[in-house]
PDB file of N, CA and C in Angstrom:
ATOM      1  N   MET A   1     -22.623 -72.414-105.765  1.00  0.00           N
ATOM      2  CA  MET A   1     -22.177 -72.453-104.027  1.00  0.00           C
ATOM      3  C   MET A   1     -23.638 -71.030-102.992  1.00  0.00           C
ATOM      4  N   VAL A   2     -23.460 -70.219-103.928  1.00  0.00           N
ATOM      5  CA  VAL A   2     -24.769 -69.211-102.999  1.00  0.00           C
ATOM      6  C   VAL A   2     -26.161 -69.245-103.100  1.00  0.00           C
ATOM      7  N   ARG A   3     -26.104 -70.132-104.123  1.00  0.00           N
ATOM      8  CA  ARG A   3     -27.694 -70.548-104.377  1.00  0.00           C
ATOM      9  C   ARG A   3     -28.283 -72.107-103.640  1.00  0.00           C
ATOM     10  N   LYS A   4     -27.667 -72.250-104.373  1.00  0.00           N
ATOM     11  CA  LYS A   4     -27.499 -73.725-103.095  1.00  0.00           C
ATOM     12  C   LYS A   4     -27.727 -73.282-101.580  1.00  0.00           C
ATOM     13  N   SER A   5     -27.408 -71.905-100.801  1.00  0.00           N
ATOM     14  CA  SER A   5     -27.420 -71.738-100.003  1.00  0.00           C
ATOM     15  C   SER A   5     -28.454 -70.678 -99.932  1.00  0.00           C
ATOM     16  N   MET A   6     -28.824 -70.197-100.367  1.00  0.00           N
ATOM     17  CA  MET A   6     -30.109 -69.281-100.876  1.00  0.00           C
ATOM     18  C   MET A   6     -31.171 -70.162-100.410  1.00  0.00           C
ATOM     19  N   MET A   7     -31.282 -71.100-101.189  1.00  0.00           N
ATOM     20  CA  MET A   7     -32.620 -72.213-101.909  1.00  0.00           C
ATOM     21  C   MET A   7     -32.270 -72.426 -99.709  1.00  0.00           C
ATOM     22  N   ALA A   8     -31.841 -72.961 -99.370  1.00  0.00           N
ATOM     23  CA  ALA A   8     -31.749 -73.651 -98.115  1.00  0.00           C
ATOM     24  C   ALA A   8     -31.796 -72.918 -96.916  1.00  0.00           C
ATOM     25  N   ALA A   9     -32.449 -71.544 -96.865  1.00  0.00           N
ATOM     26  CA  ALA A   9     -32.170 -70.637 -95.474  1.00  0.00           C
ATOM     27  C   ALA A   9     -33.294 -69.975 -96.514  1.00  0.00           C
ATOM     28  N   THR A  10     -33.867 -70.094 -97.648  1.00  0.00           N
ATOM     29  CA  THR A  10     -34.986 -70.489 -97.637  1.00  0.00           C
ATOM     30  C   THR A  10     -36.688 -71.318 -97.477  1.00  0.00           C
ATOM     31  N   PHE A  11     -35.875 -72.653 -97.729  1.00  0.00           N
ATOM     32  CA  PHE A  11     -37.118 -73.683 -96.943  1.00  0.00           C
ATOM     33  C   PHE A  11     -36.428 -73.375 -96.102  1.00  0.00           C
ATOM     34  N   ALA A  12     -35.187 -73.057 -94.882  1.00  0.00           N
ATOM     35  CA  ALA A  12     -35.758 -72.945 -93.540  1.00  0.00           C
ATOM     36  C   ALA A  12     -36.309 -72.231 -93.155  1.00  0.00           C
ATOM     37  N   ALA A  13     -36.952 -70.990 -93.876  1.00  0.00           N
ATOM     38  CA  ALA A  13     -37.449 -69.370 -93.340  1.00  0.00           C
ATOM     39  C   ALA A  13     -38.911 -70.797 -93.038  1.00  0.00           C
ATOM     40  N   GLY A  14     -39.098 -70.817 -94.789  1.00  0.00           N
ATOM     41  CA  GLY A  14     -40.207 -71.781 -95.042  1.00  0.00           C
ATOM     42  C   GLY A  14     -40.736 -72.661 -93.785  1.00  0.00           C
ATOM     43  N   TYR A  15     -39.453 -72.839 -93.299  1.00  0.00           N
ATOM     44  CA  TYR A  15     -40.844 -74.378 -92.752  1.00  0.00           C
ATOM     45  C   TYR A  15     -40.509 -73.918 -91.152  1.00  0.00           C
ATOM     46  N   VAL A  16     -39.961 -72.837 -90.874  1.00  0.00           N
ATOM     47  CA  VAL A  16     -40.845 -71.948 -89.599  1.00  0.00           C
ATOM     48  C   VAL A  16     -41.756 -71.078 -89.291  1.00  0.00           C
ATOM     49  N   LEU A  17     -41.472 -70.937 -90.527  1.00  0.00           N
ATOM     50  CA  LEU A  17     -43.114 -70.377 -90.512  1.00  0.00           C
ATOM     51  C   LEU A  17     -44.874 -70.905 -90.433  1.00  0.00           C
ATOM     52  N   GLY A  18     -44.067 -72.423 -91.529  1.00  0.00           N
ATOM     53  CA  GLY A  18     -45.065 -72.900 -91.597  1.00  0.00           C
ATOM     54  C   GLY A  18     -45.222 -73.987 -90.382  1.00  0.00           C
ATOM     55  N   ALA A  19     -44.428 -74.028 -89.347  1.00  0.00           N
ATOM     56  CA  ALA A  19     -44.640 -74.615 -87.880  1.00  0.00           C
ATOM     57  C   ALA A  19     -45.633 -73.830 -87.418  1.00  0.00           C
ATOM     58  N   ARG A  20     -45.085 -72.602 -87.215  1.00  0.00           N
ATOM     59  CA  ARG A  20     -45.600 -71.902 -86.089  1.00  0.00           C
ATOM     60  C   ARG A  20     -46.853 -71.555 -86.753  1.00  0.00           C
ATOM     61  N   ALA A  21     -47.421 -71.692 -87.317  1.00  0.00           N
ATOM     62  CA  ALA A  21     -48.389 -71.441 -88.150  1.00  0.00           C
ATOM     63  C   ALA A  21     -49.625 -72.217 -89.167  1.00  0.00           C
ATOM     64  N   GLY A  22     -49.049 -73.466 -88.385  1.00  0.00           N
ATOM     65  CA  GLY A  22     -49.665 -74.923 -88.026  1.00  0.00           C
ATOM     66  C   GLY A  22     -49.266 -75.214 -87.219  1.00  0.00           C
ATOM     67  N   ARG A  23     -48.611 -75.060 -85.623  1.00  0.00           N
ATOM     68  CA  ARG A  23     -49.164 -75.095 -84.173  1.00  0.00           C
ATOM     69  C   ARG A  23     -50.238 -73.567 -83.497  1.00  0.00           C
ATOM     70  N   ASP A  24     -50.411 -72.572 -84.743  1.00  0.00           N
ATOM     71  CA  ASP A  24     -51.072 -71.618 -84.054  1.00  0.00           C
ATOM     72  C   ASP A  24     -52.565 -72.555 -84.333  1.00  0.00           C
ATOM     73  N   ARG A  25     -53.185 -72.877 -85.215  1.00  0.00           N
ATOM     74  CA  ARG A  25     -53.721 -73.213 -85.822  1.00  0.00           C
ATOM     75  C   ARG A  25     -54.635 -75.036 -84.799  1.00  0.00           C
ATOM     76  N   TYR A  26     -53.149 -75.654 -85.289  1.00  0.00           N
ATOM     77  CA  TYR A  26     -53.661 -76.590 -84.516  1.00  0.00           C
ATOM     78  C   TYR A  26     -53.905 -76.636 -82.530  1.00  0.00           C
ATOM     79  N   ASP A  27     -53.557 -75.330 -82.104  1.00  0.00           N
ATOM     80  CA  ASP A  27     -54.123 -75.241 -80.105  1.00  0.00           C
ATOM     81  C   ASP A  27     -55.291 -74.324 -80.888  1.00  0.00           C
ATOM     82  N   ALA A  28     -55.757 -73.476 -82.088  1.00  0.00           N
ATOM     83  CA  ALA A  28     -57.007 -72.815 -81.999  1.00  0.00           C
ATOM     84  C   ALA A  28     -58.457 -74.263 -81.806  1.00  0.00           C
ATOM     85  N   ILE A  29     -57.284 -75.249 -83.166  1.00  0.00           N
ATOM     86  CA  ILE A  29     -58.895 -76.412 -82.860  1.00  0.00           C
ATOM     87  C   ILE A  29     -58.834 -77.311 -81.426  1.00  0.00           C
ATOM     88  N   VAL A  30     -57.629 -77.362 -80.684  1.00  0.00           N
ATOM     89  CA  VAL A  30     -57.672 -77.920 -79.367  1.00  0.00           C
ATOM     90  C   VAL A  30     -58.983 -77.317 -78.642  1.00  0.00           C
ATOM     91  N   ALA A  31     -58.924 -75.340 -78.836  1.00  0.00           N
ATOM     92  CA  ALA A  31     -59.483 -75.262 -77.759  1.00  0.00           C
ATOM     93  C   ALA A  31     -60.914 -74.706 -77.984  1.00  0.00           C
ATOM     94  N   LYS A  32     -60.788 -74.615 -79.152  1.00  0.00           N
ATOM     95  CA  LYS A  32     -62.676 -75.005 -79.809  1.00  0.00           C
ATOM     96  C   LYS A  32     -63.274 -75.956 -79.414  1.00  0.00           C
ATOM     97  N   ALA A  33     -62.021 -77.286 -79.666  1.00  0.00           N
ATOM     98  CA  ALA A  33     -63.117 -79.226 -79.437  1.00  0.00           C
ATOM     99  C   ALA A  33     -63.061 -78.737 -77.908  1.00  0.00           C
ATOM    100  N   GLN A  34     -61.904 -78.240 -77.076  1.00  0.00           N
ATOM    101  CA  GLN A  34     -62.009 -78.606 -75.204  1.00  0.00           C
ATOM    102  C   GLN A  34     -63.370 -77.566 -75.364  1.00  0.00           C
ATOM    103  N   GLU A  35     -63.895 -75.938 -76.223  1.00  0.00           N
ATOM    104  CA  GLU A  35     -64.962 -75.672 -75.048  1.00  0.00           C
ATOM    105  C   GLU A  35     -66.449 -76.080 -75.108  1.00  0.00           C
ATOM    106  N   LEU A  36     -65.953 -77.073 -76.310  1.00  0.00           N
ATOM    107  CA  LEU A  36     -68.023 -78.106 -77.299  1.00  0.00           C
ATOM    108  C   LEU A  36     -67.844 -78.705 -76.122  1.00  0.00           C
ATOM    109  N   TRP A  37     -66.261 -79.395 -76.028  1.00  0.00           N
ATOM    110  CA  TRP A  37     -66.880 -80.417 -74.981  1.00  0.00           C
ATOM    111  C   TRP A  37     -67.418 -79.948 -73.103  1.00  0.00           C
ATOM    112  N   ARG A  38     -66.787 -78.871 -72.817  1.00  0.00           N
ATOM    113  CA  ARG A  38     -67.621 -78.190 -71.746  1.00  0.00           C
ATOM    114  C   ARG A  38     -68.999 -77.633 -72.160  1.00  0.00           C
ATOM    115  N   ASP A  39     -69.535 -77.645 -72.907  1.00  0.00           N
ATOM    116  CA  ASP A  39     -71.011 -77.070 -73.342  1.00  0.00           C
ATOM    117  C   ASP A  39     -71.909 -77.886 -72.401  1.00  0.00           C
ATOM    118  N   PRO A  40     -72.871 -77.613 -71.369  1.00  0.00           N
ATOM    119  CA  PRO A  40     -73.688 -78.268 -71.947  1.00  0.00           C
ATOM    120  C   PRO A  40     -74.531 -79.145 -71.704  1.00  0.00           C
ATOM    121  N   ARG A  41     -75.589 -79.170 -73.074  1.00  0.00           N
ATOM    122  CA  ARG A  41     -76.153 -78.961 -73.970  1.00  0.00           C
ATOM    123  C   ARG A  41     -74.890 -80.849 -74.078  1.00  0.00           C
ATOM    124  N   VAL A  42     -74.361 -80.798 -74.477  1.00  0.00           N
ATOM    125  CA  VAL A  42     -73.339 -81.700 -75.274  1.00  0.00           C
ATOM    126  C   VAL A  42     -72.844 -82.546 -74.065  1.00  0.00           C
ATOM    127  N   GLN A  43     -72.784 -82.294 -72.243  1.00  0.00           N
ATOM    128  CA  GLN A  43     -73.105 -82.953 -71.631  1.00  0.00           C
ATOM    129  C   GLN A  43     -74.403 -83.879 -71.438  1.00  0.00           C
ATOM    130  N   ASP A  44     -75.068 -83.281 -71.535  1.00  0.00           N
ATOM    131  CA  ASP A  44     -76.187 -83.527 -70.796  1.00  0.00           C
ATOM    132  C   ASP A  44     -76.595 -84.519 -72.363  1.00  0.00           C
ATOM    133  N   LYS A  45     -75.997 -84.028 -73.725  1.00  0.00           N
ATOM    134  CA  LYS A  45     -76.035 -85.897 -74.545  1.00  0.00           C
ATOM    135  C   LYS A  45     -75.698 -87.084 -74.243  1.00  0.00           C
ATOM    136  N   VAL A  46     -73.736 -86.102 -73.778  1.00  0.00           N
ATOM    137  CA  VAL A  46     -73.228 -87.505 -73.667  1.00  0.00           C
ATOM    138  C   VAL A  46     -73.872 -88.827 -73.187  1.00  0.00           C
ATOM    139  N   SER A  47     -74.018 -88.006 -71.694  1.00  0.00           N
ATOM    140  CA  SER A  47     -75.021 -88.486 -70.311  1.00  0.00           C
ATOM    141  C   SER A  47     -75.818 -89.500 -70.212  1.00  0.00           C
ATOM    142  N   GLN A  48     -77.080 -89.290 -71.882  1.00  0.00           N
ATOM    143  CA  GLN A  48     -78.124 -89.347 -72.311  1.00  0.00           C
ATOM    144  C   GLN A  48     -77.460 -91.064 -72.963  1.00  0.00           C
ATOM    145  N   ALA A  49     -76.316 -90.224 -73.860  1.00  0.00           N
ATOM    146  CA  ALA A  49     -75.848 -92.442 -74.549  1.00  0.00           C
ATOM    147  C   ALA A  49     -75.267 -92.840 -73.350  1.00  0.00           C
ATOM    148  N   GLN A  50     -74.376 -93.075 -72.500  1.00  0.00           N
ATOM    149  CA  GLN A  50     -73.640 -93.581 -71.400  1.00  0.00           C
ATOM    150  C   GLN A  50     -75.047 -94.028 -70.952  1.00  0.00           C
ATOM    151  N   ASP A  51     -76.426 -93.661 -70.131  1.00  0.00           N
ATOM    152  CA  ASP A  51     -77.420 -94.097 -69.868  1.00  0.00           C
ATOM    153  C   ASP A  51     -77.749 -95.384 -71.022  1.00  0.00           C
ATOM    154  N   VAL A  52     -78.437 -94.937 -72.149  1.00  0.00           N
ATOM    155  CA  VAL A  52     -78.778 -95.860 -72.936  1.00  0.00           C
ATOM    156  C   VAL A  52     -78.178 -96.472 -73.463  1.00  0.00           C
ATOM    157  N   ALA A  53     -77.021 -96.524 -73.541  1.00  0.00           N
ATOM    158  CA  ALA A  53     -74.992 -98.084 -73.754  1.00  0.00           C
ATOM    159  C   ALA A  53     -75.635 -99.236 -72.189  1.00  0.00           C
ATOM    160  N   LYS A  54     -75.395 -97.918 -71.207  1.00  0.00           N
ATOM    161  CA  LYS A  54     -75.383 -99.033 -70.511  1.00  0.00           C
ATOM    162  C   LYS A  54     -76.967-100.693 -69.851  1.00  0.00           C
ATOM    163  N   GLU A  55     -78.317 -99.595 -70.129  1.00  0.00           N
ATOM    164  CA  GLU A  55     -79.098-100.287 -70.451  1.00  0.00           C
ATOM    165  C   GLU A  55     -79.276-101.507 -71.462  1.00  0.00           C
ATOM    166  N   LYS A  56     -78.348-100.888 -72.478  1.00  0.00           N
ATOM    167  CA  LYS A  56     -78.167-101.838 -73.414  1.00  0.00           C
ATOM    168  C   LYS A  56     -77.308-103.369 -73.222  1.00  0.00           C
ATOM    169  N   ALA A  57     -76.208-102.441 -72.749  1.00  0.00           N
ATOM    170  CA  ALA A  57     -75.420-103.428 -71.787  1.00  0.00           C
ATOM    171  C   ALA A  57     -75.849-104.690 -70.893  1.00  0.00           C
ATOM    172  N   ASN A  58     -76.852-104.138 -70.795  1.00  0.00           N
ATOM    173  CA  ASN A  58     -77.827-105.664 -69.232  1.00  0.00           C
ATOM    174  C   ASN A  58     -78.350-106.132 -70.520  1.00  0.00           C
ATOM    175  N   GLN A  59     -79.186-105.058 -71.578  1.00  0.00           N
ATOM    176  CA  GLN A  59     -80.241-106.116 -72.194  1.00  0.00           C
ATOM    177  C   GLN A  59     -78.632-107.095 -72.968  1.00  0.00           C
ATOM    178  N   VAL A  60     -78.360-106.537 -73.597  1.00  0.00           N
ATOM    179  CA  VAL A  60     -76.853-108.092 -73.941  1.00  0.00           C
ATOM    180  C   VAL A  60     -76.925-108.845 -72.856  1.00  0.00           C
ATOM    181  N   GLN A  61     -76.161-108.877 -72.055  1.00  0.00           N
ATOM    182  CA  GLN A  61     -75.752-109.242 -71.092  1.00  0.00           C
ATOM    183  C   GLN A  61     -76.891-110.621 -69.838  1.00  0.00           C
ATOM    184  N   ALA A  62     -77.902-110.130 -71.206  1.00  0.00           N
ATOM    185  CA  ALA A  62     -79.468-110.955 -69.978  1.00  0.00           C
ATOM    186  C   ALA A  62     -79.721-111.851 -71.566  1.00  0.00           C
ATOM    187  N   ALA A  63     -79.334-111.362 -72.498  1.00  0.00           N
ATOM    188  CA  ALA A  63     -79.974-112.147 -73.812  1.00  0.00           C
ATOM    189  C   ALA A  63     -79.067-113.243 -73.756  1.00  0.00           C
ATOM    190  N   ALA A  64     -77.398-113.043 -72.884  1.00  0.00           N
ATOM    191  CA  ALA A  64     -76.066-113.839 -73.527  1.00  0.00           C
ATOM    192  C   ALA A  64     -75.884-114.846 -72.935  1.00  0.00           C
ATOM    193  N   LYS A  65     -76.603-114.212 -71.326  1.00  0.00           N
ATOM    194  CA  LYS A  65     -76.711-115.741 -69.641  1.00  0.00           C
ATOM    195  C   LYS A  65     -78.276-117.005 -70.799  1.00  0.00           C
ATOM    196  N   GLU A  66     -79.000-116.173 -71.019  1.00  0.00           N
ATOM    197  CA  GLU A  66     -80.187-116.577 -71.359  1.00  0.00           C
ATOM    198  C   GLU A  66     -79.871-117.796 -72.824  1.00  0.00           C
ATOM    199  N   LYS A  67     -78.681-117.940 -73.420  1.00  0.00           N
ATOM    200  CA  LYS A  67     -78.464-118.340 -74.562  1.00  0.00           C
ATOM    201  C   LYS A  67     -77.612-119.662 -74.326  1.00  0.00           C
ATOM    202  N   LEU A  68     -76.714-118.703 -73.147  1.00  0.00           N
ATOM    203  CA  LEU A  68     -75.824-119.897 -72.168  1.00  0.00           C
ATOM    204  C   LEU A  68     -76.220-121.520 -72.129  1.00  0.00           C
ATOM    205  N   PRO A  69     -75.270-121.971 -72.378  1.00  0.00           N
ATOM    206  CA  PRO A  69     -75.896-123.236 -72.649  1.00  0.00           C
ATOM    207  C   PRO A  69     -75.420-123.796 -70.172  1.00  0.00           C
ATOM    208  N   ARG A  70     -76.657-124.512 -70.290  1.00  0.00           N
ATOM    209  CA  ARG A  70     -76.275-124.254 -68.712  1.00  0.00           C
ATOM    210  C   ARG A  70     -75.120-125.912 -68.100  1.00  0.00           C
ATOM    211  N   THR A  71     -74.511-124.939 -66.779  1.00  0.00           N
ATOM    212  CA  THR A  71     -73.608-125.453 -66.868  1.00  0.00           C
ATOM    213  C   THR A  71     -73.987-127.243 -65.054  1.00  0.00           C
ATOM    214  N   SER A  72     -72.781-127.908 -65.363  1.00  0.00           N
ATOM    215  CA  SER A  72     -73.006-128.535 -64.576  1.00  0.00           C
ATOM    216  C   SER A  72     -71.622-127.489 -63.004  1.00  0.00           C
ATOM    217  N   GLY A  73     -72.048-128.501 -61.699  1.00  0.00           N
ATOM    218  CA  GLY A  73     -71.395-127.898 -61.421  1.00  0.00           C
ATOM    219  C   GLY A  73     -69.867-128.576 -61.161  1.00  0.00           C
ATOM    220  N   SER A  74     -68.908-128.568 -61.479  1.00  0.00           N
ATOM    221  CA  SER A  74     -67.704-129.435 -62.491  1.00  0.00           C
ATOM    222  C   SER A  74     -66.792-128.087 -62.813  1.00  0.00           C
ATOM    223  N   GLY A  75     -68.387-127.362 -63.659  1.00  0.00           N
ATOM    224  CA  GLY A  75     -66.986-126.694 -64.515  1.00  0.00           C
ATOM    225  C   GLY A  75     -66.888-126.765 -66.022  1.00  0.00           C
ATOM    226  N   THR A  76     -67.402-128.321 -66.157  1.00  0.00           N
ATOM    227  CA  THR A  76     -67.714-128.311 -67.459  1.00  0.00           C
ATOM    228  C   THR A  76     -69.169-128.193 -68.387  1.00  0.00           C
ATOM    229  N   SER A  77     -68.826-127.947 -69.496  1.00  0.00           N
ATOM    230  CA  SER A  77     -70.566-128.308 -70.590  1.00  0.00           C
ATOM    231  C   SER A  77     -70.135-129.589 -70.799  1.00  0.00           C
ATOM    232  N   GLY A  78     -71.608-130.538 -71.447  1.00  0.00           N
ATOM    233  CA  GLY A  78     -71.466-130.996 -71.480  1.00  0.00           C
ATOM    234  C   GLY A  78     -71.779-131.552 -73.232  1.00  0.00           C
ATOM    235  N   SER A  79     -72.389-130.338 -74.021  1.00  0.00           N
ATOM    236  CA  SER A  79     -72.809-129.400 -75.699  1.00  0.00           C
ATOM    237  C   SER A  79     -70.696-129.165 -75.817  1.00  0.00           C
ATOM    238  N   ALA A  80     -69.651-128.980 -75.263  1.00  0.00           N
ATOM    239  CA  ALA A  80     -68.925-128.498 -75.546  1.00  0.00           C
ATOM    240  C   ALA A  80     -67.585-129.473 -75.784  1.00  0.00           C
ATOM    241  N   SER A  81     -67.370-128.787 -77.155  1.00  0.00           N
ATOM    242  CA  SER A  81     -66.177-130.679 -77.418  1.00  0.00           C
ATOM    243  C   SER A  81     -65.147-130.601 -76.916  1.00  0.00           C
ATOM    244  N   ALA A  82     -63.940-132.228 -77.305  1.00  0.00           N
ATOM    245  CA  ALA A  82     -62.785-131.775 -76.561  1.00  0.00           C
ATOM    246  C   ALA A  82     -61.840-130.827 -77.344  1.00  0.00           C
ATOM    247  N   SER A  83     -62.359-129.848 -78.107  1.00  0.00           N
ATOM    248  CA  SER A  83     -61.063-129.664 -79.785  1.00  0.00           C
ATOM    249  C   SER A  83     -61.482-128.584 -78.814  1.00  0.00           C
ATOM    250  N   THR A  84     -62.875-128.035 -78.687  1.00  0.00           N
ATOM    251  CA  THR A  84     -62.805-126.859 -78.819  1.00  0.00           C
ATOM    252  C   THR A  84     -62.197-125.968 -78.285  1.00  0.00           C
ATOM    253  N   PRO A  85     -61.393-124.376 -78.216  1.00  0.00           N
ATOM    254  CA  PRO A  85     -59.645-123.807 -76.974  1.00  0.00           C
ATOM    255  C   PRO A  85     -60.392-122.907 -76.727  1.00  0.00           C
ATOM    256  N   ALA A  86     -59.713-123.146 -75.417  1.00  0.00           N
ATOM    257  CA  ALA A  86     -60.767-121.414 -74.313  1.00  0.00           C
ATOM    258  C   ALA A  86     -60.494-120.760 -74.342  1.00  0.00           C
ATOM    259  N   ALA A  87     -61.123-120.156 -73.802  1.00  0.00           N
ATOM    260  CA  ALA A  87     -61.602-118.388 -74.278  1.00  0.00           C
ATOM    261  C   ALA A  87     -60.154-117.908 -73.395  1.00  0.00           C
ATOM    262  N   GLY A  88     -60.281-117.401 -74.606  1.00  0.00           N
ATOM    263  CA  GLY A  88     -59.268-116.554 -74.528  1.00  0.00           C
ATOM    264  C   GLY A  88     -57.485-116.989 -74.145  1.00  0.00           C
ATOM    265  N   THR A  89     -57.426-117.953 -74.843  1.00  0.00           N
ATOM    266  CA  THR A  89     -56.372-118.755 -75.591  1.00  0.00           C
ATOM    267  C   THR A  89     -55.367-118.132 -76.373  1.00  0.00           C
ATOM    268  N   GLY A  90     -56.188-117.341 -77.053  1.00  0.00           N
ATOM    269  CA  GLY A  90     -55.229-116.872 -78.220  1.00  0.00           C
ATOM    270  C   GLY A  90     -54.970-117.727 -79.513  1.00  0.00           C
ATOM    271  N   SER A  91     -56.155-118.565 -79.719  1.00  0.00           N
ATOM    272  CA  SER A  91     -56.124-120.122 -80.446  1.00  0.00           C
ATOM    273  C   SER A  91     -56.743-118.923 -81.513  1.00  0.00           C
ATOM    274  N   GLU A  92     -57.761-118.158 -81.291  1.00  0.00           N
ATOM    275  CA  GLU A  92     -59.052-118.099 -81.587  1.00  0.00           C
ATOM    276  C   GLU A  92     -59.062-117.853 -83.314  1.00  0.00           C
ATOM    277  N   SER A  93     -59.172-118.317 -84.115  1.00  0.00           N
ATOM    278  CA  SER A  93     -59.759-117.987 -85.177  1.00  0.00           C
ATOM    279  C   SER A  93     -60.462-116.380 -86.112  1.00  0.00           C
ATOM    280  N   VAL A  94     -59.878-115.599 -86.100  1.00  0.00           N
ATOM    281  CA  VAL A  94     -61.063-114.427 -86.963  1.00  0.00           C
ATOM    282  C   VAL A  94     -61.245-114.358 -88.126  1.00  0.00           C
ATOM    283  N   PRO A  95     -63.007-114.801 -88.244  1.00  0.00           N
ATOM    284  CA  PRO A  95     -63.639-114.442 -89.519  1.00  0.00           C
ATOM    285  C   PRO A  95     -63.511-113.194 -90.309  1.00  0.00           C
TER     286      PRO A  95
END
């Protein structure tokens, strides 16, 4: 019985010490990540990436509009078949 209680106490002490060390390391990693994120050089690159993404999004939107079939005023397309599911219905298949 003493052996089991000694093993349980050892396990508990190891768990507590390990959890504290793990939390300290986690906090150090979070602090370093926040410091890195606030770096002006990083923020400059983030801004550049956002600008490029906006530009590419506009290009993709323009290309998509060119490829979409023209629709009549009734809101239906003559090239779409009646069996084609509407967008957002949840019946689309995933490739």
